[in-house]
Structures are given as C-alpha cells and as structure tokens.
Amino acid sequence: MARAIVTPELADTLRSLRLQNKIQAKALATHIGKSPAFISKLESGNIQTIDTTELYEIINFILGDTDDQTELVEKIYASLKFKYSKEEIEEQLWFTNFDTVERQIPVPGSLIDELNRIMEKDQISYQYLLNRINANEALTKEENEDDSIIYNQWYDQNRLSGSGPSIKMKMDEGQLQALLSKKTDVSPYVFVLCVTLCILKIDRFGNQVQILPEDYQELMAKAIDLLNTHKFFSIAEKDKLLSGRQTQEEISDILSTFDRDNIEIINEIISGFHFASECNIKSTNMQLKKFCENMYWDLGFMLRIISLDFKNLEKTSVSNKRNLIKAFEELLDEYAQLPDEQNKIEIY
C-alpha cells in the first residue's frame, strides 16, 4: 500500500488548512478513526509516513468532502505557494502524487487523435506500446527488480541513481485501450504523460531501448509540450505556464475548455450577485455574508445544496416559495437540535 513521507511542509500544510477551515482536531481524528494525539503528532511532523488513502481522506474532509479533485489540488497548491517556492513544492512527492496520479483530468480528444496518428504512422500496436510502457525502460535494473517500489507512485530515486524523483509504471491493456479509443475521457496526468512519452520514443528511436539521459530529457520536454499544446496540464504545470501571463487573452489562451467554462460560470454567478446588490445592496450584503460563512463552514455541502434543481419550482407562487423557505428553516433547526450520538461524522 502506498505511503507518503510526512515532510515538514506536508505537516505544516495540513495544520494550516485545518485551522483556515476551522476544523477541530478532534473532529478530524474521529472522521479517520484516530485519536486527537495522532493528529497532533502528524501536524508536528512526529509521524514519518502516512497511508496515501488516509492522507487524501484527511485533506478531503478538511476542504469540504468534495468529489472535485481539481478543486482540492488547487487549494493545496495555493496554500503551498503562500509559503514555499516552486522548487520546494516540486520536492513534495505527496503533492505530486495527488496532482498527477490521484486526480482524474478530462483528456482532450485532439490529443488522443494526434497520438493515434503517430501510432498508425509507425504501425505501433496497443500490445507493443503496453509492453514498452510496463518495461519502465528509463529505470535501472535494480529499480525494476525492487519489489518495495510501489507501482504508479512517484518516489525519490536519489537513493539509487541520484537523478531525482521517478515513477514505476504499470498499466493494463484495458486502461490503455480505453484511453486511446476514447472510451474513457478522464485519466490521471501521469498515465497520459507516460503513454505520450513512450509513443514519442518509439517514433524517434524505434525498437532501441537504451538511450542517452539527455535524449530522455529532450523527449520528456517534448511530451510535456505536446500535452500543454492540447491543454492537458497538471496543476503545477498550469501554474508555471500562467506565471508571467498578464492579459486576459494570454491567460485564456493557456486555459482548457473546462477551465474557461468554469470561469464563465463563476462570472455568471458574480453577475447575478451584482444585480441583486443593485436592487437591494443592504439585504444582499447580509445574505451574501451568511452565504460566505456557510461556504467556509462546509463548501462541499453548500455546493450540493445550491445544485438542487430549484428551477422546477418555476410555476410555484411567491407565497409557496416563502412557505418552502420557512420549512427549510424549521428543518434546519430540527437537525441542529439532534443529539450528539446522531451527529456522527461521516461522508455524505
């Protein structure tokens, strides 16, 4: 089972995020079935490693129990950027794994089309490509034979070769076929990166397995450039590309369709709030202040509430809408009065 090294940066980030989101250590401990002392040791850096599943569960609970992995990763990255340099962040393998291995990202069809064109040109079969990927040709013999290295997790390679973080890949035929046939439209970043890198290597070097380190570096840069061209980014890579961009046009050119859709939706929300403010700014301020408090209390829960299909009430009278609000308030009071034994912390 994969474990993350609890670096000082990770311990500090977990504590900062918990305090920022006003999560009590006791509540977090109860959620993961640990003691408050465990959380204290974790945040003090007195625990060396933590199971990655448990780590992601902690982060997800602190940031609002949301299924939106991109939102979680962006929040973590923003927190890291506040205190650490890009170089220091890159050394945090727990974050790199969260960003590139755990997070599912929409895969542009244009990228898959280009990869398939190269495969067709070079007559690369799925099985041949799969064998080359799983051979982990960039790793040493010792690493390939080291059963302690967990597949599909970045690890520190310094102890063996001194060349920095690496990853030992293992894909199955179903995963590869689903990706390249567009049967799945989401994938972890690292899977697509490794597929792209291997295709480019075969395209340039054919059956040659051993190539010079500088050739690997060049191929990696080319693979990342290809993914960037099709707007398929890791969070760290997107931030790197956005830095130095100043105009909205430059920023928009970097962003994917999904990012632009997100910006458009947020702008529509802001536009609606502005309209409400123009009608009655005092009342709107009071309601939006309460909305912000609720959002910081539990963002995932509030997003679930506001995503309910209220537009089905289109033909409902104003008086019935008022009755519905009153019923909501009464139900809210009822749940607030539930005894502690009925208020166990769990994922909704």
Protein backbone atom coordinates (compact mmCIF):
# COMPACT_ATOMS: atom_id res chain seq x y z
CA MET A 1 0.00 0.00 0.00
CA ALA A 2 1.39 3.44 -0.98
CA ARG A 3 2.62 5.69 1.79
CA ALA A 4 3.55 9.36 1.70
CA ILE A 5 6.56 10.73 3.56
CA VAL A 6 5.39 13.32 6.08
CA THR A 7 7.71 16.19 5.21
CA PRO A 8 7.78 19.35 7.36
CA GLU A 9 5.96 21.08 4.50
CA LEU A 10 3.19 18.46 4.49
CA ALA A 11 2.76 18.65 8.28
CA ASP A 12 2.64 22.45 8.14
CA THR A 13 0.19 22.43 5.22
CA LEU A 14 -2.22 20.04 6.93
CA ARG A 15 -2.23 22.15 10.09
CA SER A 16 -2.66 25.41 8.16
CA LEU A 17 -5.52 24.05 6.06
CA ARG A 18 -7.27 22.63 9.12
CA LEU A 19 -7.04 25.94 11.02
CA GLN A 20 -8.04 28.00 7.97
CA ASN A 21 -11.15 25.87 7.53
CA LYS A 22 -11.93 25.87 11.27
CA ILE A 23 -11.84 22.08 11.59
CA GLN A 24 -11.25 20.82 15.11
CA ALA A 25 -8.51 18.24 15.52
CA LYS A 26 -10.94 16.06 17.47
CA ALA A 27 -13.49 16.10 14.61
CA LEU A 28 -10.79 15.21 12.07
CA ALA A 29 -9.49 12.41 14.28
CA THR A 30 -13.00 10.97 14.70
CA HIS A 31 -13.52 11.08 10.93
CA ILE A 32 -10.47 8.93 10.18
CA GLY A 33 -10.85 6.72 13.23
CA LYS A 34 -7.76 8.00 15.02
CA SER A 35 -7.06 9.77 18.30
CA PRO A 36 -6.54 13.54 18.59
CA ALA A 37 -2.98 12.69 19.65
CA PHE A 38 -2.40 11.17 16.18
CA ILE A 39 -3.45 14.45 14.50
CA SER A 40 -1.18 16.39 16.86
CA LYS A 41 1.80 14.14 16.03
CA LEU A 42 1.01 14.32 12.30
CA GLU A 43 0.85 18.11 12.27
CA SER A 44 4.03 18.32 14.35
CA GLY A 45 5.93 16.11 11.92
CA ASN A 46 6.41 13.40 14.52
CA ILE A 47 4.97 10.74 12.21
CA GLN A 48 7.30 9.66 9.40
CA THR A 49 4.83 8.28 6.84
CA ILE A 50 1.10 8.09 6.28
CA ASP A 51 -1.01 5.88 4.05
CA THR A 52 -1.91 7.92 0.95
CA THR A 53 -5.58 6.90 1.11
CA GLU A 54 -5.72 8.21 4.67
CA LEU A 55 -3.89 11.38 3.67
CA TYR A 56 -6.34 12.14 0.87
CA GLU A 57 -9.25 11.38 3.19
CA ILE A 58 -7.87 13.92 5.69
CA ILE A 59 -7.40 16.57 3.01
CA ASN A 60 -10.85 15.91 1.53
CA PHE A 61 -12.51 16.23 4.94
CA ILE A 62 -10.66 19.45 5.79
CA LEU A 63 -11.54 21.04 2.45
CA GLY A 64 -15.18 20.03 2.37
CA ASP A 65 -15.76 16.41 1.28
CA THR A 66 -15.94 17.22 -2.42
CA ASP A 67 -15.55 14.87 -5.39
CA ASP A 68 -13.88 17.70 -7.34
CA GLN A 69 -10.23 16.60 -7.14
CA THR A 70 -9.02 19.56 -9.19
CA GLU A 71 -10.54 21.96 -6.70
CA LEU A 72 -8.83 20.15 -3.83
CA VAL A 73 -5.44 20.12 -5.54
CA GLU A 74 -5.69 23.80 -6.49
CA LYS A 75 -6.45 24.72 -2.88
CA ILE A 76 -3.50 22.69 -1.62
CA TYR A 77 -1.22 24.21 -4.25
CA ALA A 78 -2.38 27.73 -3.35
CA SER A 79 -1.60 27.01 0.29
CA LEU A 80 1.86 25.69 -0.60
CA LYS A 81 2.63 28.66 -2.85
CA PHE A 82 1.89 31.01 0.01
CA LYS A 83 4.94 29.75 1.93
CA TYR A 84 7.18 27.80 -0.42
CA SER A 85 8.99 28.27 -3.72
CA LYS A 86 8.20 26.26 -6.85
CA GLU A 87 11.40 24.27 -6.31
CA GLU A 88 10.38 23.41 -2.75
CA ILE A 89 6.89 22.40 -3.90
CA GLU A 90 8.35 20.13 -6.59
CA GLU A 91 10.17 18.21 -3.84
CA GLN A 92 6.85 17.35 -2.16
CA LEU A 93 6.19 13.92 -3.69
CA TRP A 94 2.94 13.57 -1.70
CA PHE A 95 1.61 16.57 -3.61
CA THR A 96 3.00 15.40 -6.96
CA ASN A 97 1.24 12.06 -6.48
CA PHE A 98 -2.01 13.79 -5.51
CA ASP A 99 -1.77 16.10 -8.53
CA THR A 100 -0.61 13.66 -11.22
CA VAL A 101 -1.63 10.18 -10.04
CA GLU A 102 -4.81 10.53 -7.99
CA ARG A 103 -6.53 13.38 -9.82
CA GLN A 104 -8.66 12.45 -12.83
CA ILE A 105 -8.38 15.06 -15.61
CA PRO A 106 -10.54 15.38 -18.75
CA VAL A 107 -8.49 14.17 -21.73
CA PRO A 108 -8.83 16.28 -24.91
CA GLY A 109 -9.92 14.24 -27.91
CA SER A 110 -7.48 16.21 -30.08
CA LEU A 111 -4.56 14.86 -28.05
CA ILE A 112 -5.72 11.25 -28.47
CA ASP A 113 -6.18 11.83 -32.21
CA GLU A 114 -2.59 13.05 -32.52
CA LEU A 115 -1.22 10.10 -30.55
CA ASN A 116 -3.22 7.67 -32.70
CA ARG A 117 -1.87 9.31 -35.87
CA ILE A 118 1.70 8.70 -34.71
CA MET A 119 0.88 5.11 -33.77
CA GLU A 120 -0.72 4.49 -37.15
CA LYS A 121 2.23 6.05 -38.99
CA ASP A 122 4.74 3.91 -37.08
CA GLN A 123 2.44 0.84 -37.01
CA ILE A 124 2.56 0.67 -33.19
CA SER A 125 0.11 -1.86 -31.77
CA TYR A 126 -1.58 -1.49 -28.38
CA GLN A 127 0.18 -4.58 -27.06
CA TYR A 128 3.62 -3.42 -28.20
CA LEU A 129 3.07 0.01 -26.68
CA LEU A 130 1.81 -1.53 -23.44
CA ASN A 131 4.87 -3.80 -23.20
CA ARG A 132 7.21 -0.83 -23.72
CA ILE A 133 5.41 1.27 -21.08
CA ASN A 134 5.43 -1.51 -18.49
CA ALA A 135 9.09 -2.28 -19.17
CA ASN A 136 9.95 1.02 -17.42
CA GLU A 137 12.96 1.42 -19.68
CA ALA A 138 14.18 4.61 -18.01
CA LEU A 139 14.69 2.82 -14.68
CA THR A 140 17.74 0.87 -13.63
CA LYS A 141 17.74 -2.92 -13.39
CA GLU A 142 17.88 -2.60 -9.60
CA GLU A 143 14.77 -0.44 -9.56
CA ASN A 144 12.82 -2.72 -11.87
CA GLU A 145 13.68 -5.68 -9.65
CA ASP A 146 12.99 -3.81 -6.40
CA ASP A 147 9.61 -5.14 -5.17
CA SER A 148 9.48 -2.48 -2.45
CA ILE A 149 8.87 0.23 -5.06
CA ILE A 150 5.13 0.68 -5.45
CA TYR A 151 3.77 0.97 -8.98
CA ASN A 152 2.23 4.23 -10.20
CA GLN A 153 3.59 6.33 -7.34
CA TRP A 154 6.37 8.91 -7.60
CA TYR A 155 9.31 8.07 -5.35
CA ASP A 156 12.72 9.53 -4.56
CA GLN A 157 15.22 7.97 -6.95
CA ASN A 158 18.25 9.62 -5.32
CA ARG A 159 18.97 6.62 -3.16
CA LEU A 160 19.77 4.51 -6.25
CA SER A 161 20.77 6.72 -9.16
CA GLY A 162 20.87 10.27 -7.90
CA SER A 163 18.61 11.54 -10.69
CA GLY A 164 15.66 12.76 -8.67
CA PRO A 165 12.01 11.63 -8.49
CA SER A 166 10.86 8.80 -10.75
CA ILE A 167 7.86 6.54 -11.20
CA LYS A 168 7.47 2.83 -11.90
CA MET A 169 4.51 2.45 -14.23
CA LYS A 170 2.10 -0.43 -14.60
CA MET A 171 -0.86 -0.17 -16.97
CA ASP A 172 -3.23 -2.91 -18.07
CA GLU A 173 -4.46 -3.44 -21.61
CA GLY A 174 -7.97 -2.29 -20.76
CA GLN A 175 -6.75 1.05 -19.43
CA LEU A 176 -4.64 1.71 -22.49
CA GLN A 177 -7.32 0.73 -24.99
CA ALA A 178 -9.99 2.73 -23.19
CA LEU A 179 -7.76 5.80 -23.27
CA LEU A 180 -6.66 5.57 -26.91
CA SER A 181 -10.10 4.54 -28.20
CA LYS A 182 -11.77 7.40 -26.26
CA LYS A 183 -13.96 5.01 -24.29
CA THR A 184 -12.81 6.95 -21.24
CA ASP A 185 -12.44 10.71 -21.31
CA VAL A 186 -10.62 11.18 -17.99
CA SER A 187 -7.25 9.96 -16.78
CA PRO A 188 -4.53 10.74 -14.26
CA TYR A 189 -1.95 13.09 -15.75
CA VAL A 190 0.97 10.69 -15.35
CA PHE A 191 -0.73 7.90 -17.35
CA VAL A 192 -1.22 10.16 -20.36
CA LEU A 193 2.29 11.57 -19.95
CA CYS A 194 3.87 8.10 -19.93
CA VAL A 195 1.82 6.95 -22.95
CA THR A 196 2.83 10.09 -24.83
CA LEU A 197 6.49 9.78 -23.84
CA CYS A 198 6.65 6.14 -24.93
CA ILE A 199 4.97 6.84 -28.29
CA LEU A 200 7.42 9.68 -28.97
CA LYS A 201 10.34 7.46 -28.00
CA ILE A 202 9.24 4.70 -30.38
CA ASP A 203 8.59 7.27 -33.09
CA ARG A 204 12.15 8.58 -32.81
CA PHE A 205 14.21 5.54 -31.76
CA GLY A 206 12.12 2.59 -32.90
CA ASN A 207 12.98 -0.63 -31.07
CA GLN A 208 16.02 0.90 -29.37
CA VAL A 209 15.50 0.62 -25.61
CA GLN A 210 18.61 2.26 -24.12
CA ILE A 211 19.05 5.92 -24.99
CA LEU A 212 21.19 8.70 -23.52
CA PRO A 213 19.93 10.64 -20.47
CA GLU A 214 19.92 13.86 -22.48
CA ASP A 215 17.71 12.17 -25.09
CA TYR A 216 15.26 11.21 -22.32
CA GLN A 217 15.22 14.79 -21.10
CA GLU A 218 14.54 16.06 -24.60
CA LEU A 219 11.73 13.51 -25.10
CA MET A 220 10.17 14.39 -21.75
CA ALA A 221 10.20 18.09 -22.61
CA LYS A 222 8.63 17.30 -25.99
CA ALA A 223 5.95 15.12 -24.36
CA ILE A 224 5.04 17.83 -21.85
CA ASP A 225 4.95 20.42 -24.63
CA LEU A 226 2.57 18.19 -26.59
CA LEU A 227 0.26 17.84 -23.58
CA ASN A 228 0.43 21.60 -23.00
CA THR A 229 -0.46 22.27 -26.63
CA HIS A 230 -3.66 20.28 -26.13
CA LYS A 231 -4.25 22.00 -22.74
CA PHE A 232 -3.81 18.88 -20.65
CA PHE A 233 -1.99 20.10 -17.55
CA SER A 234 -1.00 19.13 -14.07
CA ILE A 235 -1.79 21.90 -11.58
CA ALA A 236 1.90 22.68 -11.15
CA GLU A 237 2.47 22.79 -14.93
CA LYS A 238 -0.54 25.06 -15.49
CA ASP A 239 0.70 27.44 -12.81
CA LYS A 240 4.13 27.50 -14.44
CA LEU A 241 2.58 28.41 -17.81
CA LEU A 242 0.31 31.06 -16.31
CA SER A 243 3.12 32.82 -14.44
CA GLY A 244 4.16 35.88 -16.39
CA ARG A 245 0.93 35.98 -18.39
CA GLN A 246 -0.67 39.36 -17.87
CA THR A 247 -3.56 39.96 -20.24
CA GLN A 248 -6.86 38.07 -20.10
CA GLU A 249 -6.26 36.96 -23.69
CA GLU A 250 -2.88 35.43 -22.77
CA ILE A 251 -4.39 33.65 -19.77
CA SER A 252 -7.39 32.41 -21.76
CA ASP A 253 -5.07 31.00 -24.43
CA ILE A 254 -3.45 28.75 -21.81
CA LEU A 255 -6.66 27.52 -20.22
CA SER A 256 -8.54 24.42 -21.35
CA THR A 257 -12.20 24.39 -22.37
CA PHE A 258 -13.06 23.11 -18.89
CA ASP A 259 -11.16 25.98 -17.24
CA ARG A 260 -12.84 28.56 -19.49
CA ASP A 261 -16.27 27.07 -18.78
CA ASN A 262 -15.51 27.31 -15.07
CA ILE A 263 -14.56 30.99 -15.39
CA GLU A 264 -17.71 31.69 -17.40
CA ILE A 265 -19.91 30.03 -14.76
CA ILE A 266 -18.20 31.97 -11.94
CA ASN A 267 -18.66 35.22 -13.87
CA GLU A 268 -22.37 34.45 -14.29
CA ILE A 269 -22.67 33.92 -10.54
CA ILE A 270 -20.89 37.21 -9.83
CA SER A 271 -23.13 38.97 -12.36
CA GLY A 272 -26.20 37.65 -10.55
CA PHE A 273 -24.86 38.83 -7.20
CA HIS A 274 -24.15 42.28 -8.70
CA PHE A 275 -27.72 42.50 -10.00
CA ALA A 276 -29.12 41.57 -6.58
CA SER A 277 -26.86 44.19 -4.99
CA GLU A 278 -28.15 46.90 -7.29
CA CYS A 279 -31.72 46.04 -6.30
CA ASN A 280 -31.10 46.00 -2.53
CA ILE A 281 -27.46 46.19 -1.50
CA LYS A 282 -28.08 46.11 2.26
CA SER A 283 -30.18 42.94 2.13
CA THR A 284 -27.87 41.31 -0.42
CA ASN A 285 -24.79 42.03 1.70
CA MET A 286 -26.42 40.39 4.72
CA GLN A 287 -27.41 37.31 2.74
CA LEU A 288 -24.07 37.00 0.94
CA LYS A 289 -22.20 37.36 4.23
CA LYS A 290 -24.19 34.44 5.59
CA PHE A 291 -23.55 32.53 2.35
CA CYS A 292 -19.79 33.06 2.77
CA GLU A 293 -19.94 31.83 6.37
CA ASN A 294 -21.79 28.72 5.22
CA MET A 295 -19.34 28.21 2.36
CA TYR A 296 -16.34 28.30 4.70
CA TRP A 297 -18.19 26.06 7.14
CA ASP A 298 -18.61 23.27 4.59
CA LEU A 299 -18.04 24.10 0.92
CA GLY A 300 -18.92 20.65 -0.41
CA PHE A 301 -22.25 20.60 1.45
CA MET A 302 -23.19 24.11 0.27
CA LEU A 303 -22.35 23.29 -3.36
CA ARG A 304 -24.61 20.25 -3.08
CA ILE A 305 -27.44 22.39 -1.68
CA ILE A 306 -27.26 25.11 -4.35
CA SER A 307 -27.03 22.49 -7.11
CA LEU A 308 -30.52 21.15 -6.28
CA ASP A 309 -32.95 21.66 -9.17
CA PHE A 310 -34.83 24.69 -7.83
CA LYS A 311 -35.83 25.73 -11.37
CA ASN A 312 -38.51 23.02 -11.20
CA LEU A 313 -40.37 25.49 -8.95
CA GLU A 314 -40.86 27.83 -11.91
CA LYS A 315 -44.67 27.77 -11.61
CA THR A 316 -44.68 27.95 -7.82
CA SER A 317 -46.29 31.06 -6.33
CA VAL A 318 -44.33 33.55 -4.22
CA SER A 319 -46.30 32.57 -1.11
CA ASN A 320 -45.47 28.89 -1.62
CA LYS A 321 -41.81 29.75 -2.09
CA ARG A 322 -41.94 31.61 1.22
CA ASN A 323 -43.55 28.56 2.82
CA LEU A 324 -40.75 26.42 1.40
CA ILE A 325 -38.10 28.71 2.90
CA LYS A 326 -39.91 28.55 6.25
CA ALA A 327 -39.98 24.74 6.01
CA PHE A 328 -36.23 24.77 5.27
CA GLU A 329 -35.58 26.92 8.33
CA GLU A 330 -37.66 24.64 10.56
CA LEU A 331 -35.88 21.56 9.19
CA LEU A 332 -32.54 23.25 9.77
CA ASP A 333 -33.46 23.96 13.39
CA GLU A 334 -34.61 20.36 13.82
CA TYR A 335 -31.29 18.94 12.60
CA ALA A 336 -29.32 21.45 14.67
CA GLN A 337 -31.03 20.08 17.79
CA LEU A 338 -30.14 16.43 17.12
CA PRO A 339 -28.23 14.81 19.99
CA ASP A 340 -24.51 14.19 19.56
CA GLU A 341 -24.92 10.43 19.15
CA GLN A 342 -26.94 11.05 15.97
CA ASN A 343 -24.40 13.51 14.60
CA LYS A 344 -21.57 11.12 13.81
CA ILE A 345 -19.03 12.49 11.35
CA GLU A 346 -19.23 10.74 8.01
CA ILE A 347 -19.01 11.40 4.29
CA TYR A 348 -22.27 12.45 2.65
